[in-house]
Amino acid sequence: MTLDQAIQVVRESLTVMLVLSGPILVAGLVIGMVVSVLQAVTQVQEQTLSFVPKIIGMAIVAILVVPWVATQMIAFAQRMFAGG
């Protein structure tokens, strides 16, 4: 394996990781922003009010995207084992 091939494998691995974690992170971001706006409007500054909805929302999204994530991971593994 040449240096260029190794760099390509690392680049593709990082890209796949970012794509697969994207939906869960976006869900956490959106839920966090909504809860923050609600806290600012109502002036309720409870820490668990922002933490619990994010955890629940991210868990729901993670469960919903499992088939897609599995498909992407299998395709990536097949590309890596095939050597291209």
N, C-alpha and C. Protein backbone atom coordinates (compact mmCIF):
# COMPACT_ATOMS: atom_id res chain seq x y z
N MET A 1 0.85 -1.17 0.00
CA MET A 1 0.00 0.00 0.00
C MET A 1 0.89 1.23 0.00
N THR A 2 0.65 2.09 -0.95
CA THR A 2 1.45 3.30 -1.04
C THR A 2 0.89 4.37 -0.10
N LEU A 3 1.64 5.44 0.03
CA LEU A 3 1.21 6.54 0.89
C LEU A 3 -0.08 7.17 0.37
N ASP A 4 -0.20 7.31 -0.93
CA ASP A 4 -1.42 7.88 -1.51
C ASP A 4 -2.64 7.00 -1.23
N GLN A 5 -2.47 5.70 -1.30
CA GLN A 5 -3.57 4.79 -1.01
C GLN A 5 -3.98 4.87 0.45
N ALA A 6 -2.99 4.95 1.33
CA ALA A 6 -3.27 5.05 2.77
C ALA A 6 -4.01 6.35 3.08
N ILE A 7 -3.59 7.43 2.46
CA ILE A 7 -4.27 8.72 2.67
C ILE A 7 -5.70 8.64 2.16
N GLN A 8 -5.91 7.99 1.03
CA GLN A 8 -7.26 7.85 0.48
C GLN A 8 -8.15 7.03 1.41
N VAL A 9 -7.62 5.96 1.98
CA VAL A 9 -8.39 5.13 2.91
C VAL A 9 -8.77 5.93 4.15
N VAL A 10 -7.83 6.68 4.69
CA VAL A 10 -8.12 7.50 5.88
C VAL A 10 -9.15 8.57 5.54
N ARG A 11 -9.00 9.21 4.38
CA ARG A 11 -9.94 10.25 3.97
C ARG A 11 -11.35 9.67 3.82
N GLU A 12 -11.46 8.52 3.18
CA GLU A 12 -12.78 7.92 3.00
C GLU A 12 -13.37 7.47 4.33
N SER A 13 -12.53 6.95 5.22
CA SER A 13 -13.00 6.54 6.54
C SER A 13 -13.57 7.72 7.32
N LEU A 14 -12.86 8.84 7.30
CA LEU A 14 -13.33 10.02 8.01
C LEU A 14 -14.61 10.58 7.38
N THR A 15 -14.69 10.55 6.06
CA THR A 15 -15.88 11.02 5.38
C THR A 15 -17.09 10.17 5.73
N VAL A 16 -16.92 8.87 5.72
CA VAL A 16 -18.03 7.96 6.08
C VAL A 16 -18.45 8.20 7.52
N MET A 17 -17.49 8.38 8.42
CA MET A 17 -17.81 8.63 9.82
C MET A 17 -18.62 9.90 9.98
N LEU A 18 -18.23 10.97 9.29
CA LEU A 18 -18.96 12.23 9.39
C LEU A 18 -20.37 12.11 8.81
N VAL A 19 -20.50 11.42 7.69
CA VAL A 19 -21.82 11.25 7.06
C VAL A 19 -22.74 10.42 7.96
N LEU A 20 -22.21 9.38 8.58
CA LEU A 20 -23.04 8.51 9.41
C LEU A 20 -23.44 9.19 10.72
N SER A 21 -22.59 10.03 11.26
CA SER A 21 -22.93 10.70 12.53
C SER A 21 -23.74 11.97 12.30
N GLY A 22 -23.83 12.43 11.06
CA GLY A 22 -24.51 13.68 10.75
C GLY A 22 -25.96 13.76 11.20
N PRO A 23 -26.82 12.80 10.86
CA PRO A 23 -28.24 12.92 11.26
C PRO A 23 -28.45 13.01 12.77
N ILE A 24 -27.67 12.26 13.51
CA ILE A 24 -27.82 12.28 14.97
C ILE A 24 -27.35 13.62 15.53
N LEU A 25 -26.23 14.12 15.02
CA LEU A 25 -25.73 15.40 15.49
C LEU A 25 -26.65 16.55 15.09
N VAL A 26 -27.21 16.50 13.90
CA VAL A 26 -28.15 17.55 13.47
C VAL A 26 -29.40 17.53 14.36
N ALA A 27 -29.88 16.34 14.70
CA ALA A 27 -31.04 16.25 15.59
C ALA A 27 -30.73 16.89 16.94
N GLY A 28 -29.55 16.60 17.48
CA GLY A 28 -29.16 17.21 18.75
C GLY A 28 -29.05 18.72 18.65
N LEU A 29 -28.53 19.20 17.54
CA LEU A 29 -28.40 20.64 17.33
C LEU A 29 -29.77 21.32 17.24
N VAL A 30 -30.67 20.75 16.45
CA VAL A 30 -32.00 21.34 16.28
C VAL A 30 -32.78 21.33 17.59
N ILE A 31 -32.77 20.20 18.28
CA ILE A 31 -33.49 20.11 19.55
C ILE A 31 -32.88 21.07 20.57
N GLY A 32 -31.57 21.17 20.61
CA GLY A 32 -30.91 22.10 21.53
C GLY A 32 -31.27 23.54 21.25
N MET A 33 -31.34 23.91 19.97
CA MET A 33 -31.70 25.28 19.61
C MET A 33 -33.15 25.59 19.99
N VAL A 34 -34.05 24.65 19.73
CA VAL A 34 -35.46 24.86 20.08
C VAL A 34 -35.62 25.00 21.58
N VAL A 35 -34.99 24.13 22.34
CA VAL A 35 -35.09 24.20 23.79
C VAL A 35 -34.46 25.49 24.31
N SER A 36 -33.35 25.91 23.73
CA SER A 36 -32.71 27.16 24.16
C SER A 36 -33.60 28.36 23.91
N VAL A 37 -34.26 28.38 22.75
CA VAL A 37 -35.19 29.48 22.47
C VAL A 37 -36.35 29.47 23.45
N LEU A 38 -36.90 28.29 23.72
CA LEU A 38 -38.00 28.20 24.70
C LEU A 38 -37.55 28.64 26.08
N GLN A 39 -36.32 28.27 26.47
CA GLN A 39 -35.81 28.69 27.77
C GLN A 39 -35.61 30.20 27.82
N ALA A 40 -35.15 30.78 26.73
CA ALA A 40 -34.95 32.23 26.69
C ALA A 40 -36.28 32.97 26.76
N VAL A 41 -37.29 32.44 26.07
CA VAL A 41 -38.60 33.09 26.06
C VAL A 41 -39.28 33.00 27.42
N THR A 42 -39.20 31.82 28.03
CA THR A 42 -39.88 31.61 29.31
C THR A 42 -39.01 31.94 30.51
N GLN A 43 -37.73 32.20 30.30
CA GLN A 43 -36.75 32.50 31.34
C GLN A 43 -36.64 31.37 32.37
N VAL A 44 -36.84 30.14 31.91
CA VAL A 44 -36.63 28.96 32.75
C VAL A 44 -35.23 28.45 32.45
N GLN A 45 -34.37 28.44 33.45
CA GLN A 45 -32.99 28.05 33.24
C GLN A 45 -32.68 26.73 33.96
N GLU A 46 -33.38 25.70 33.60
CA GLU A 46 -33.17 24.38 34.19
C GLU A 46 -32.27 23.56 33.27
N GLN A 47 -31.18 23.02 33.79
CA GLN A 47 -30.22 22.29 32.97
C GLN A 47 -30.80 21.00 32.40
N THR A 48 -31.58 20.30 33.19
CA THR A 48 -32.13 19.04 32.70
C THR A 48 -33.16 19.27 31.60
N LEU A 49 -33.73 20.46 31.55
CA LEU A 49 -34.71 20.77 30.50
C LEU A 49 -34.06 20.76 29.12
N SER A 50 -32.78 21.08 29.04
CA SER A 50 -32.12 21.04 27.74
C SER A 50 -31.45 19.69 27.48
N PHE A 51 -31.07 19.00 28.52
CA PHE A 51 -30.32 17.75 28.37
C PHE A 51 -31.23 16.57 28.01
N VAL A 52 -32.31 16.41 28.72
CA VAL A 52 -33.19 15.24 28.54
C VAL A 52 -33.83 15.21 27.14
N PRO A 53 -34.40 16.31 26.63
CA PRO A 53 -34.98 16.22 25.28
C PRO A 53 -33.94 15.90 24.21
N LYS A 54 -32.71 16.42 24.37
CA LYS A 54 -31.67 16.11 23.38
C LYS A 54 -31.34 14.63 23.38
N ILE A 55 -31.18 14.06 24.55
CA ILE A 55 -30.86 12.63 24.65
C ILE A 55 -31.98 11.79 24.04
N ILE A 56 -33.23 12.11 24.38
CA ILE A 56 -34.36 11.34 23.85
C ILE A 56 -34.45 11.50 22.34
N GLY A 57 -34.34 12.72 21.84
CA GLY A 57 -34.42 12.96 20.41
C GLY A 57 -33.30 12.30 19.63
N MET A 58 -32.10 12.38 20.16
CA MET A 58 -30.97 11.74 19.48
C MET A 58 -31.10 10.22 19.48
N ALA A 59 -31.65 9.67 20.57
CA ALA A 59 -31.85 8.21 20.62
C ALA A 59 -32.90 7.78 19.59
N ILE A 60 -33.97 8.56 19.47
CA ILE A 60 -35.01 8.24 18.48
C ILE A 60 -34.44 8.30 17.06
N VAL A 61 -33.68 9.35 16.77
CA VAL A 61 -33.09 9.47 15.44
C VAL A 61 -32.11 8.33 15.19
N ALA A 62 -31.32 7.99 16.19
CA ALA A 62 -30.36 6.88 16.04
C ALA A 62 -31.08 5.58 15.71
N ILE A 63 -32.21 5.33 16.37
CA ILE A 63 -32.97 4.12 16.09
C ILE A 63 -33.54 4.15 14.68
N LEU A 64 -34.01 5.32 14.25
CA LEU A 64 -34.62 5.43 12.93
C LEU A 64 -33.62 5.28 11.78
N VAL A 65 -32.38 5.69 11.99
CA VAL A 65 -31.40 5.65 10.91
C VAL A 65 -30.52 4.39 10.93
N VAL A 66 -30.79 3.46 11.83
CA VAL A 66 -29.98 2.24 11.91
C VAL A 66 -29.93 1.48 10.58
N PRO A 67 -31.04 1.28 9.87
CA PRO A 67 -30.94 0.54 8.60
C PRO A 67 -30.03 1.24 7.59
N TRP A 68 -30.17 2.55 7.49
CA TRP A 68 -29.33 3.32 6.56
C TRP A 68 -27.86 3.26 6.97
N VAL A 69 -27.58 3.41 8.26
CA VAL A 69 -26.21 3.36 8.75
C VAL A 69 -25.61 1.98 8.48
N ALA A 70 -26.38 0.93 8.73
CA ALA A 70 -25.88 -0.42 8.49
C ALA A 70 -25.56 -0.63 7.01
N THR A 71 -26.42 -0.14 6.14
CA THR A 71 -26.18 -0.26 4.70
C THR A 71 -24.90 0.46 4.29
N GLN A 72 -24.72 1.67 4.81
CA GLN A 72 -23.52 2.45 4.49
C GLN A 72 -22.25 1.78 5.02
N MET A 73 -22.33 1.24 6.23
CA MET A 73 -21.16 0.58 6.81
C MET A 73 -20.80 -0.69 6.06
N ILE A 74 -21.81 -1.44 5.64
CA ILE A 74 -21.55 -2.66 4.87
C ILE A 74 -20.92 -2.32 3.53
N ALA A 75 -21.45 -1.28 2.87
CA ALA A 75 -20.88 -0.86 1.59
C ALA A 75 -19.43 -0.39 1.76
N PHE A 76 -19.16 0.34 2.83
CA PHE A 76 -17.79 0.79 3.09
C PHE A 76 -16.87 -0.38 3.36
N ALA A 77 -17.32 -1.34 4.16
CA ALA A 77 -16.51 -2.51 4.47
C ALA A 77 -16.23 -3.33 3.20
N GLN A 78 -17.22 -3.45 2.35
CA GLN A 78 -17.01 -4.18 1.09
C GLN A 78 -15.98 -3.48 0.21
N ARG A 79 -16.05 -2.14 0.17
CA ARG A 79 -15.05 -1.40 -0.62
C ARG A 79 -13.66 -1.58 -0.04
N MET A 80 -13.56 -1.58 1.28
CA MET A 80 -12.23 -1.72 1.91
C MET A 80 -11.66 -3.12 1.70
N PHE A 81 -12.51 -4.15 1.85
CA PHE A 81 -12.02 -5.51 1.67
C PHE A 81 -11.74 -5.85 0.21
N ALA A 82 -12.44 -5.17 -0.69
CA ALA A 82 -12.22 -5.41 -2.11
C ALA A 82 -10.96 -4.71 -2.60
N GLY A 83 -10.48 -3.77 -1.80
CA GLY A 83 -9.23 -3.09 -2.17
C GLY A 83 -9.45 -1.88 -3.07
N GLY A 84 -10.64 -1.38 -3.13
CA GLY A 84 -10.85 -0.23 -3.99
C GLY A 84 -12.08 0.44 -3.61
